[in-house]
Amino acid sequence: SYFRADAETIWNETAALLPEVRALPFKGNDYGDARLITALLTIASR
């Protein structure tokens, strides 16, 4: 109830960056959208 709106915003903004991210040469740039977004947000959090 506290973070639903913020979570949706963060998810959508990260999803909008996927084309640029996939253009980078790294293992995992071919992951599915959900898996890649989750990985990016985990790295950002750490």
All heavy atoms as atom14 arrays in JSON, in Angstrom:
{
  "sequence": "SYFRADAETIWNETAALLPEVRALPFKGNDYGDARLITALLTIASR",
  "atom14_mask": [
    [1, 1, 1, 1, 1, 1, 0, 0, 0, 0, 0, 0, 0, 0],
    [1, 1, 1, 1, 1, 1, 1, 1, 1, 1, 1, 1, 0, 0],
    [1, 1, 1, 1, 1, 1, 1, 1, 1, 1, 1, 0, 0, 0],
    [1, 1, 1, 1, 1, 1, 1, 1, 1, 1, 1, 0, 0, 0],
    [1, 1, 1, 1, 1, 0, 0, 0, 0, 0, 0, 0, 0, 0],
    [1, 1, 1, 1, 1, 1, 1, 1, 0, 0, 0, 0, 0, 0],
    [1, 1, 1, 1, 1, 0, 0, 0, 0, 0, 0, 0, 0, 0],
    [1, 1, 1, 1, 1, 1, 1, 1, 1, 0, 0, 0, 0, 0],
    [1, 1, 1, 1, 1, 1, 1, 0, 0, 0, 0, 0, 0, 0],
    [1, 1, 1, 1, 1, 1, 1, 1, 0, 0, 0, 0, 0, 0],
    [1, 1, 1, 1, 1, 1, 1, 1, 1, 1, 1, 1, 1, 1],
    [1, 1, 1, 1, 1, 1, 1, 1, 0, 0, 0, 0, 0, 0],
    [1, 1, 1, 1, 1, 1, 1, 1, 1, 0, 0, 0, 0, 0],
    [1, 1, 1, 1, 1, 1, 1, 0, 0, 0, 0, 0, 0, 0],
    [1, 1, 1, 1, 1, 0, 0, 0, 0, 0, 0, 0, 0, 0],
    [1, 1, 1, 1, 1, 0, 0, 0, 0, 0, 0, 0, 0, 0],
    [1, 1, 1, 1, 1, 1, 1, 1, 0, 0, 0, 0, 0, 0],
    [1, 1, 1, 1, 1, 1, 1, 1, 0, 0, 0, 0, 0, 0],
    [1, 1, 1, 1, 1, 1, 1, 0, 0, 0, 0, 0, 0, 0],
    [1, 1, 1, 1, 1, 1, 1, 1, 1, 0, 0, 0, 0, 0],
    [1, 1, 1, 1, 1, 1, 1, 0, 0, 0, 0, 0, 0, 0],
    [1, 1, 1, 1, 1, 1, 1, 1, 1, 1, 1, 0, 0, 0],
    [1, 1, 1, 1, 1, 0, 0, 0, 0, 0, 0, 0, 0, 0],
    [1, 1, 1, 1, 1, 1, 1, 1, 0, 0, 0, 0, 0, 0],
    [1, 1, 1, 1, 1, 1, 1, 0, 0, 0, 0, 0, 0, 0],
    [1, 1, 1, 1, 1, 1, 1, 1, 1, 1, 1, 0, 0, 0],
    [1, 1, 1, 1, 1, 1, 1, 1, 1, 0, 0, 0, 0, 0],
    [1, 1, 1, 1, 0, 0, 0, 0, 0, 0, 0, 0, 0, 0],
    [1, 1, 1, 1, 1, 1, 1, 1, 0, 0, 0, 0, 0, 0],
    [1, 1, 1, 1, 1, 1, 1, 1, 0, 0, 0, 0, 0, 0],
    [1, 1, 1, 1, 1, 1, 1, 1, 1, 1, 1, 1, 0, 0],
    [1, 1, 1, 1, 0, 0, 0, 0, 0, 0, 0, 0, 0, 0],
    [1, 1, 1, 1, 1, 1, 1, 1, 0, 0, 0, 0, 0, 0],
    [1, 1, 1, 1, 1, 0, 0, 0, 0, 0, 0, 0, 0, 0],
    [1, 1, 1, 1, 1, 1, 1, 1, 1, 1, 1, 0, 0, 0],
    [1, 1, 1, 1, 1, 1, 1, 1, 0, 0, 0, 0, 0, 0],
    [1, 1, 1, 1, 1, 1, 1, 1, 0, 0, 0, 0, 0, 0],
    [1, 1, 1, 1, 1, 1, 1, 0, 0, 0, 0, 0, 0, 0],
    [1, 1, 1, 1, 1, 0, 0, 0, 0, 0, 0, 0, 0, 0],
    [1, 1, 1, 1, 1, 1, 1, 1, 0, 0, 0, 0, 0, 0],
    [1, 1, 1, 1, 1, 1, 1, 1, 0, 0, 0, 0, 0, 0],
    [1, 1, 1, 1, 1, 1, 1, 0, 0, 0, 0, 0, 0, 0],
    [1, 1, 1, 1, 1, 1, 1, 1, 0, 0, 0, 0, 0, 0],
    [1, 1, 1, 1, 1, 0, 0, 0, 0, 0, 0, 0, 0, 0],
    [1, 1, 1, 1, 1, 1, 0, 0, 0, 0, 0, 0, 0, 0],
    [1, 1, 1, 1, 1, 1, 1, 1, 1, 1, 1, 0, 0, 0]
  ],
  "atom14_positions": [
    [[0.83, -1.22, 0.0], [0.0, 0.0, 0.0], [0.86, 1.26, 0.0], [0.46, 2.29, -0.54], [-0.93, -0.01, 1.22], [-0.16, -0.01, 2.41], [0.0, 0.0, 0.0], [0.0, 0.0, 0.0], [0.0, 0.0, 0.0], [0.0, 0.0, 0.0], [0.0, 0.0, 0.0], [0.0, 0.0, 0.0], [0.0, 0.0, 0.0], [0.0, 0.0, 0.0]],
    [[2.06, 1.2, 0.56], [2.93, 2.36, 0.62], [3.73, 2.56, -0.67], [3.96, 3.69, -1.11], [3.92, 2.22, 1.79], [3.32, 2.49, 3.15], [3.12, 1.45, 4.05], [2.95, 3.77, 3.53], [2.57, 1.68, 5.3], [2.39, 4.02, 4.78], [2.21, 2.97, 5.66], [1.65, 3.21, 6.89], [0.0, 0.0, 0.0], [0.0, 0.0, 0.0]],
    [[4.18, 1.47, -1.25], [5.17, 1.58, -2.33], [4.66, 1.16, -3.71], [5.44, 1.15, -4.66], [6.39, 0.72, -1.98], [7.02, 1.11, -0.68], [7.11, 0.2, 0.36], [7.51, 2.39, -0.48], [7.69, 0.55, 1.58], [8.11, 2.74, 0.73], [8.19, 1.82, 1.76], [0.0, 0.0, 0.0], [0.0, 0.0, 0.0], [0.0, 0.0, 0.0]],
    [[3.39, 0.8, -3.82], [2.91, 0.31, -5.11], [3.12, 1.34, -6.22], [3.64, 1.03, -7.3], [1.43, -0.07, -5.03], [0.89, -0.65, -6.35], [-0.55, -1.11, -6.24], [-0.65, -2.34, -5.47], [-1.19, -2.42, -4.26], [-1.69, -1.33, -3.68], [-1.25, -3.57, -3.63], [0.0, 0.0, 0.0], [0.0, 0.0, 0.0], [0.0, 0.0, 0.0]],
    [[2.73, 2.59, -5.99], [2.86, 3.62, -7.03], [4.32, 3.84, -7.39], [4.68, 3.91, -8.58], [2.22, 4.92, -6.56], [0.0, 0.0, 0.0], [0.0, 0.0, 0.0], [0.0, 0.0, 0.0], [0.0, 0.0, 0.0], [0.0, 0.0, 0.0], [0.0, 0.0, 0.0], [0.0, 0.0, 0.0], [0.0, 0.0, 0.0], [0.0, 0.0, 0.0]],
    [[5.18, 3.98, -6.4], [6.61, 4.18, -6.66], [7.21, 2.99, -7.39], [8.04, 3.15, -8.3], [7.36, 4.41, -5.35], [7.03, 5.76, -4.73], [6.57, 6.64, -5.47], [7.24, 5.92, -3.52], [0.0, 0.0, 0.0], [0.0, 0.0, 0.0], [0.0, 0.0, 0.0], [0.0, 0.0, 0.0], [0.0, 0.0, 0.0], [0.0, 0.0, 0.0]],
    [[6.8, 1.78, -7.0], [7.34, 0.58, -7.63], [6.97, 0.54, -9.11], [7.81, 0.19, -9.97], [6.81, -0.67, -6.93], [0.0, 0.0, 0.0], [0.0, 0.0, 0.0], [0.0, 0.0, 0.0], [0.0, 0.0, 0.0], [0.0, 0.0, 0.0], [0.0, 0.0, 0.0], [0.0, 0.0, 0.0], [0.0, 0.0, 0.0], [0.0, 0.0, 0.0]],
    [[5.74, 0.88, -9.43], [5.32, 0.89, -10.83], [6.11, 1.92, -11.64], [6.52, 1.67, -12.78], [3.83, 1.18, -10.92], [2.95, 0.03, -10.41], [1.47, 0.36, -10.49], [1.13, 1.49, -10.92], [0.66, -0.52, -10.1], [0.0, 0.0, 0.0], [0.0, 0.0, 0.0], [0.0, 0.0, 0.0], [0.0, 0.0, 0.0], [0.0, 0.0, 0.0]],
    [[6.34, 3.1, -11.04], [7.1, 4.15, -11.73], [8.53, 3.69, -12.0], [9.06, 3.84, -13.12], [7.12, 5.42, -10.87], [5.78, 5.88, -10.69], [7.93, 6.52, -11.56], [0.0, 0.0, 0.0], [0.0, 0.0, 0.0], [0.0, 0.0, 0.0], [0.0, 0.0, 0.0], [0.0, 0.0, 0.0], [0.0, 0.0, 0.0], [0.0, 0.0, 0.0]],
    [[9.18, 3.13, -10.99], [10.56, 2.65, -11.15], [10.64, 1.54, -12.19], [11.54, 1.52, -13.05], [11.1, 2.15, -9.79], [11.24, 3.33, -8.82], [12.44, 1.43, -9.95], [11.54, 2.91, -7.39], [0.0, 0.0, 0.0], [0.0, 0.0, 0.0], [0.0, 0.0, 0.0], [0.0, 0.0, 0.0], [0.0, 0.0, 0.0], [0.0, 0.0, 0.0]],
    [[9.68, 0.63, -12.15], [9.67, -0.48, -13.12], [9.52, 0.05, -14.53], [10.25, -0.35, -15.45], [8.54, -1.44, -12.77], [8.52, -2.67, -13.63], [7.93, -2.81, -14.85], [9.15, -3.94, -13.34], [8.11, -4.07, -15.35], [8.86, -4.79, -14.45], [9.88, -4.43, -12.29], [9.32, -6.09, -14.51], [10.32, -5.73, -12.33], [10.05, -6.56, -13.43]],
    [[8.57, 0.96, -14.73], [8.3, 1.49, -16.07], [9.49, 2.3, -16.6], [9.84, 2.2, -17.8], [7.04, 2.36, -16.06], [5.79, 1.52, -15.82], [5.75, 0.33, -16.13], [4.76, 2.15, -15.26], [0.0, 0.0, 0.0], [0.0, 0.0, 0.0], [0.0, 0.0, 0.0], [0.0, 0.0, 0.0], [0.0, 0.0, 0.0], [0.0, 0.0, 0.0]],
    [[10.12, 3.09, -15.73], [11.27, 3.88, -16.17], [12.45, 2.98, -16.52], [13.19, 3.26, -17.47], [11.65, 4.88, -15.08], [10.64, 6.01, -14.9], [11.06, 7.0, -13.83], [12.11, 6.75, -13.18], [10.35, 8.0, -13.63], [0.0, 0.0, 0.0], [0.0, 0.0, 0.0], [0.0, 0.0, 0.0], [0.0, 0.0, 0.0], [0.0, 0.0, 0.0]],
    [[12.62, 1.91, -15.77], [13.69, 0.95, -16.09], [13.4, 0.24, -17.4], [14.3, 0.03, -18.23], [13.85, -0.07, -14.95], [14.04, 0.61, -13.72], [15.04, -0.99, -15.21], [0.0, 0.0, 0.0], [0.0, 0.0, 0.0], [0.0, 0.0, 0.0], [0.0, 0.0, 0.0], [0.0, 0.0, 0.0], [0.0, 0.0, 0.0], [0.0, 0.0, 0.0]],
    [[12.14, -0.14, -17.61], [11.76, -0.82, -18.85], [12.03, 0.08, -20.05], [12.42, -0.41, -21.14], [10.29, -1.21, -18.79], [0.0, 0.0, 0.0], [0.0, 0.0, 0.0], [0.0, 0.0, 0.0], [0.0, 0.0, 0.0], [0.0, 0.0, 0.0], [0.0, 0.0, 0.0], [0.0, 0.0, 0.0], [0.0, 0.0, 0.0], [0.0, 0.0, 0.0]],
    [[11.84, 1.4, -19.89], [12.07, 2.33, -21.02], [13.54, 2.39, -21.41], [13.88, 2.76, -22.55], [11.56, 3.72, -20.62], [0.0, 0.0, 0.0], [0.0, 0.0, 0.0], [0.0, 0.0, 0.0], [0.0, 0.0, 0.0], [0.0, 0.0, 0.0], [0.0, 0.0, 0.0], [0.0, 0.0, 0.0], [0.0, 0.0, 0.0], [0.0, 0.0, 0.0]],
    [[14.43, 2.03, -20.48], [15.87, 2.06, -20.77], [16.39, 0.77, -21.38], [17.57, 0.7, -21.75], [16.63, 2.34, -19.46], [16.36, 3.7, -18.79], [17.06, 3.74, -17.43], [16.87, 4.84, -19.67], [0.0, 0.0, 0.0], [0.0, 0.0, 0.0], [0.0, 0.0, 0.0], [0.0, 0.0, 0.0], [0.0, 0.0, 0.0], [0.0, 0.0, 0.0]],
    [[15.55, -0.26, -21.48], [16.02, -1.57, -21.95], [16.68, -1.54, -23.32], [17.7, -2.22, -23.54], [14.88, -2.58, -21.93], [14.45, -3.08, -20.53], [13.38, -4.16, -20.66], [15.63, -3.63, -19.74], [0.0, 0.0, 0.0], [0.0, 0.0, 0.0], [0.0, 0.0, 0.0], [0.0, 0.0, 0.0], [0.0, 0.0, 0.0], [0.0, 0.0, 0.0]],
    [[16.13, -0.8, -24.32], [16.81, -0.8, -25.63], [18.26, -0.35, -25.53], [19.15, -0.94, -26.17], [15.96, 0.18, -26.45], [14.6, 0.09, -25.83], [14.87, -0.06, -24.36], [0.0, 0.0, 0.0], [0.0, 0.0, 0.0], [0.0, 0.0, 0.0], [0.0, 0.0, 0.0], [0.0, 0.0, 0.0], [0.0, 0.0, 0.0], [0.0, 0.0, 0.0]],
    [[18.53, 0.69, -24.74], [19.91, 1.16, -24.6], [20.77, 0.13, -23.88], [21.94, -0.09, -24.22], [19.92, 2.48, -23.82], [19.23, 3.64, -24.53], [19.27, 4.91, -23.7], [20.35, 5.21, -23.13], [18.24, 5.61, -23.6], [0.0, 0.0, 0.0], [0.0, 0.0, 0.0], [0.0, 0.0, 0.0], [0.0, 0.0, 0.0], [0.0, 0.0, 0.0]],
    [[20.17, -0.5, -22.86], [20.92, -1.5, -22.09], [21.26, -2.7, -22.95], [22.38, -3.22, -22.93], [20.11, -1.94, -20.86], [20.79, -3.1, -20.14], [19.92, -0.77, -19.91], [0.0, 0.0, 0.0], [0.0, 0.0, 0.0], [0.0, 0.0, 0.0], [0.0, 0.0, 0.0], [0.0, 0.0, 0.0], [0.0, 0.0, 0.0], [0.0, 0.0, 0.0]],
    [[20.32, -3.17, -23.76], [20.55, -4.36, -24.59], [21.61, -4.1, -25.65], [22.24, -5.04, -26.15], [19.24, -4.79, -25.26], [18.2, -5.33, -24.29], [17.03, -5.94, -25.04], [15.94, -6.34, -24.15], [15.94, -7.44, -23.41], [16.99, -8.25, -23.44], [14.91, -7.73, -22.64], [0.0, 0.0, 0.0], [0.0, 0.0, 0.0], [0.0, 0.0, 0.0]],
    [[21.83, -2.83, -25.98], [22.85, -2.5, -26.99], [24.26, -2.65, -26.45], [25.23, -2.71, -27.21], [22.63, -1.07, -27.5], [0.0, 0.0, 0.0], [0.0, 0.0, 0.0], [0.0, 0.0, 0.0], [0.0, 0.0, 0.0], [0.0, 0.0, 0.0], [0.0, 0.0, 0.0], [0.0, 0.0, 0.0], [0.0, 0.0, 0.0], [0.0, 0.0, 0.0]],
    [[24.38, -2.72, -25.12], [25.7, -2.87, -24.51], [26.15, -4.32, -24.57], [25.35, -5.24, -24.44], [25.64, -2.41, -23.05], [25.25, -0.95, -22.81], [25.09, -0.68, -21.31], [26.31, -0.01, -23.39], [0.0, 0.0, 0.0], [0.0, 0.0, 0.0], [0.0, 0.0, 0.0], [0.0, 0.0, 0.0], [0.0, 0.0, 0.0], [0.0, 0.0, 0.0]],
    [[27.46, -4.55, -24.77], [27.97, -5.93, -24.88], [28.21, -6.55, -23.5], [29.26, -6.33, -22.88], [29.29, -5.74, -25.65], [29.76, -4.37, -25.27], [28.52, -3.55, -25.05], [0.0, 0.0, 0.0], [0.0, 0.0, 0.0], [0.0, 0.0, 0.0], [0.0, 0.0, 0.0], [0.0, 0.0, 0.0], [0.0, 0.0, 0.0], [0.0, 0.0, 0.0]],
    [[27.27, -7.3, -22.98], [27.48, -7.99, -21.71], [26.65, -9.27, -21.71], [25.65, -9.39, -22.43], [27.08, -7.1, -20.52], [25.61, -6.79, -20.44], [24.75, -7.58, -19.69], [25.08, -5.7, -21.15], [23.4, -7.28, -19.63], [23.73, -5.42, -21.09], [22.88, -6.2, -20.32], [0.0, 0.0, 0.0], [0.0, 0.0, 0.0], [0.0, 0.0, 0.0]],
    [[27.1, -10.24, -20.94], [26.38, -11.5, -20.84], [25.07, -11.26, -20.11], [25.05, -10.79, -18.97], [27.21, -12.53, -20.08], [26.55, -13.9, -20.01], [27.43, -14.9, -19.27], [26.76, -16.26, -19.18], [27.59, -17.25, -18.46], [0.0, 0.0, 0.0], [0.0, 0.0, 0.0], [0.0, 0.0, 0.0], [0.0, 0.0, 0.0], [0.0, 0.0, 0.0]],
    [[23.96, -11.57, -20.76], [22.66, -11.37, -20.15], [21.85, -10.29, -20.84], [20.7, -10.05, -20.48], [0.0, 0.0, 0.0], [0.0, 0.0, 0.0], [0.0, 0.0, 0.0], [0.0, 0.0, 0.0], [0.0, 0.0, 0.0], [0.0, 0.0, 0.0], [0.0, 0.0, 0.0], [0.0, 0.0, 0.0], [0.0, 0.0, 0.0], [0.0, 0.0, 0.0]],
    [[22.43, -9.65, -21.89], [21.66, -8.61, -22.58], [20.51, -9.19, -23.41], [19.69, -8.46, -23.95], [22.55, -7.72, -23.45], [23.26, -8.53, -24.54], [23.04, -9.74, -24.68], [24.13, -7.86, -25.29], [0.0, 0.0, 0.0], [0.0, 0.0, 0.0], [0.0, 0.0, 0.0], [0.0, 0.0, 0.0], [0.0, 0.0, 0.0], [0.0, 0.0, 0.0]],
    [[20.47, -10.53, -23.48], [19.37, -11.18, -24.19], [18.34, -11.77, -23.22], [17.45, -12.53, -23.65], [19.91, -12.28, -25.1], [20.7, -13.34, -24.33], [21.08, -13.06, -23.16], [20.96, -14.42, -24.9], [0.0, 0.0, 0.0], [0.0, 0.0, 0.0], [0.0, 0.0, 0.0], [0.0, 0.0, 0.0], [0.0, 0.0, 0.0], [0.0, 0.0, 0.0]],
    [[18.44, -11.46, -21.94], [17.43, -11.92, -20.98], [16.06, -11.38, -21.36], [15.94, -10.33, -22.01], [17.76, -11.43, -19.57], [18.92, -12.14, -18.88], [19.44, -11.64, -17.67], [19.49, -13.29, -19.41], [20.49, -12.27, -17.03], [20.55, -13.91, -18.76], [21.05, -13.41, -17.58], [22.1, -14.04, -16.95], [0.0, 0.0, 0.0], [0.0, 0.0, 0.0]],
    [[15.02, -12.07, -20.87], [13.67, -11.55, -21.02], [13.52, -10.25, -20.26], [14.3, -9.95, -19.34], [0.0, 0.0, 0.0], [0.0, 0.0, 0.0], [0.0, 0.0, 0.0], [0.0, 0.0, 0.0], [0.0, 0.0, 0.0], [0.0, 0.0, 0.0], [0.0, 0.0, 0.0], [0.0, 0.0, 0.0], [0.0, 0.0, 0.0], [0.0, 0.0, 0.0]],
    [[12.51, -9.45, -20.6], [12.36, -8.13, -20.0], [12.29, -8.19, -18.47], [13.0, -7.46, -17.76], [11.09, -7.45, -20.53], [11.26, -6.97, -21.98], [12.39, -7.12, -22.51], [10.29, -6.46, -22.55], [0.0, 0.0, 0.0], [0.0, 0.0, 0.0], [0.0, 0.0, 0.0], [0.0, 0.0, 0.0], [0.0, 0.0, 0.0], [0.0, 0.0, 0.0]],
    [[11.44, -9.05, -17.95], [11.25, -9.11, -16.5], [12.54, -9.5, -15.78], [12.9, -8.91, -14.76], [10.14, -10.09, -16.15], [0.0, 0.0, 0.0], [0.0, 0.0, 0.0], [0.0, 0.0, 0.0], [0.0, 0.0, 0.0], [0.0, 0.0, 0.0], [0.0, 0.0, 0.0], [0.0, 0.0, 0.0], [0.0, 0.0, 0.0], [0.0, 0.0, 0.0]],
    [[13.24, -10.49, -16.34], [14.47, -10.95, -15.71], [15.54, -9.87, -15.76], [16.25, -9.65, -14.76], [14.97, -12.22, -16.41], [16.22, -12.83, -15.77], [16.65, -14.09, -16.48], [17.83, -14.67, -15.86], [18.5, -15.71, -16.34], [18.08, -16.29, -17.47], [19.57, -16.17, -15.72], [0.0, 0.0, 0.0], [0.0, 0.0, 0.0], [0.0, 0.0, 0.0]],
    [[15.66, -9.17, -16.9], [16.68, -8.15, -17.03], [16.37, -6.95, -16.13], [17.27, -6.39, -15.49], [16.79, -7.7, -18.49], [17.92, -6.71, -18.82], [19.27, -7.23, -18.33], [17.98, -6.44, -20.32], [0.0, 0.0, 0.0], [0.0, 0.0, 0.0], [0.0, 0.0, 0.0], [0.0, 0.0, 0.0], [0.0, 0.0, 0.0], [0.0, 0.0, 0.0]],
    [[15.1, -6.55, -16.06], [14.73, -5.42, -15.19], [15.02, -5.77, -13.73], [15.56, -4.93, -12.98], [13.23, -5.08, -15.38], [12.99, -4.49, -16.77], [12.77, -4.11, -14.3], [11.53, -4.3, -17.1], [0.0, 0.0, 0.0], [0.0, 0.0, 0.0], [0.0, 0.0, 0.0], [0.0, 0.0, 0.0], [0.0, 0.0, 0.0], [0.0, 0.0, 0.0]],
    [[14.67, -6.97, -13.33], [14.94, -7.4, -11.95], [16.43, -7.36, -11.64], [16.84, -6.89, -10.57], [14.4, -8.82, -11.72], [12.99, -8.84, -11.97], [14.67, -9.28, -10.29], [0.0, 0.0, 0.0], [0.0, 0.0, 0.0], [0.0, 0.0, 0.0], [0.0, 0.0, 0.0], [0.0, 0.0, 0.0], [0.0, 0.0, 0.0], [0.0, 0.0, 0.0]],
    [[17.25, -7.83, -12.57], [18.71, -7.81, -12.38], [19.23, -6.38, -12.27], [20.06, -6.07, -11.4], [19.4, -8.53, -13.53], [0.0, 0.0, 0.0], [0.0, 0.0, 0.0], [0.0, 0.0, 0.0], [0.0, 0.0, 0.0], [0.0, 0.0, 0.0], [0.0, 0.0, 0.0], [0.0, 0.0, 0.0], [0.0, 0.0, 0.0], [0.0, 0.0, 0.0]],
    [[18.74, -5.49, -13.14], [19.19, -4.1, -13.11], [18.81, -3.42, -11.79], [19.61, -2.68, -11.2], [18.58, -3.33, -14.29], [19.09, -3.73, -15.69], [18.27, -3.04, -16.77], [20.57, -3.38, -15.83], [0.0, 0.0, 0.0], [0.0, 0.0, 0.0], [0.0, 0.0, 0.0], [0.0, 0.0, 0.0], [0.0, 0.0, 0.0], [0.0, 0.0, 0.0]],
    [[17.59, -3.65, -11.34], [17.14, -3.03, -10.09], [17.9, -3.59, -8.89], [18.18, -2.86, -7.93], [15.64, -3.24, -9.91], [14.75, -2.5, -10.92], [13.28, -2.85, -10.69], [14.95, -0.99, -10.79], [0.0, 0.0, 0.0], [0.0, 0.0, 0.0], [0.0, 0.0, 0.0], [0.0, 0.0, 0.0], [0.0, 0.0, 0.0], [0.0, 0.0, 0.0]],
    [[18.24, -4.87, -8.94], [19.03, -5.47, -7.86], [20.41, -4.83, -7.79], [20.91, -4.47, -6.71], [19.16, -6.98, -8.07], [17.87, -7.58, -8.06], [20.0, -7.61, -6.95], [0.0, 0.0, 0.0], [0.0, 0.0, 0.0], [0.0, 0.0, 0.0], [0.0, 0.0, 0.0], [0.0, 0.0, 0.0], [0.0, 0.0, 0.0], [0.0, 0.0, 0.0]],
    [[21.05, -4.68, -8.95], [22.38, -4.04, -9.01], [22.29, -2.6, -8.51], [23.14, -2.13, -7.74], [22.93, -4.09, -10.45], [23.21, -5.55, -10.85], [24.2, -3.25, -10.56], [23.53, -5.73, -12.32], [0.0, 0.0, 0.0], [0.0, 0.0, 0.0], [0.0, 0.0, 0.0], [0.0, 0.0, 0.0], [0.0, 0.0, 0.0], [0.0, 0.0, 0.0]],
    [[21.26, -1.88, -8.95], [21.09, -0.49, -8.52], [20.9, -0.41, -7.01], [21.46, 0.47, -6.34], [19.9, 0.12, -9.25], [0.0, 0.0, 0.0], [0.0, 0.0, 0.0], [0.0, 0.0, 0.0], [0.0, 0.0, 0.0], [0.0, 0.0, 0.0], [0.0, 0.0, 0.0], [0.0, 0.0, 0.0], [0.0, 0.0, 0.0], [0.0, 0.0, 0.0]],
    [[20.13, -1.32, -6.46], [19.89, -1.33, -5.02], [21.17, -1.59, -4.25], [21.45, -0.9, -3.25], [18.84, -2.4, -4.68], [18.66, -2.5, -3.3], [0.0, 0.0, 0.0], [0.0, 0.0, 0.0], [0.0, 0.0, 0.0], [0.0, 0.0, 0.0], [0.0, 0.0, 0.0], [0.0, 0.0, 0.0], [0.0, 0.0, 0.0], [0.0, 0.0, 0.0]],
    [[21.96, -2.55, -4.7], [23.21, -2.87, -4.02], [24.19, -1.71, -4.08], [24.85, -1.37, -3.1], [23.84, -4.12, -4.62], [23.05, -5.39, -4.35], [23.68, -6.59, -5.0], [25.0, -6.89, -4.44], [25.78, -7.87, -4.87], [25.39, -8.63, -5.88], [26.95, -8.09, -4.33], [0.0, 0.0, 0.0], [0.0, 0.0, 0.0], [0.0, 0.0, 0.0]]
  ]
}
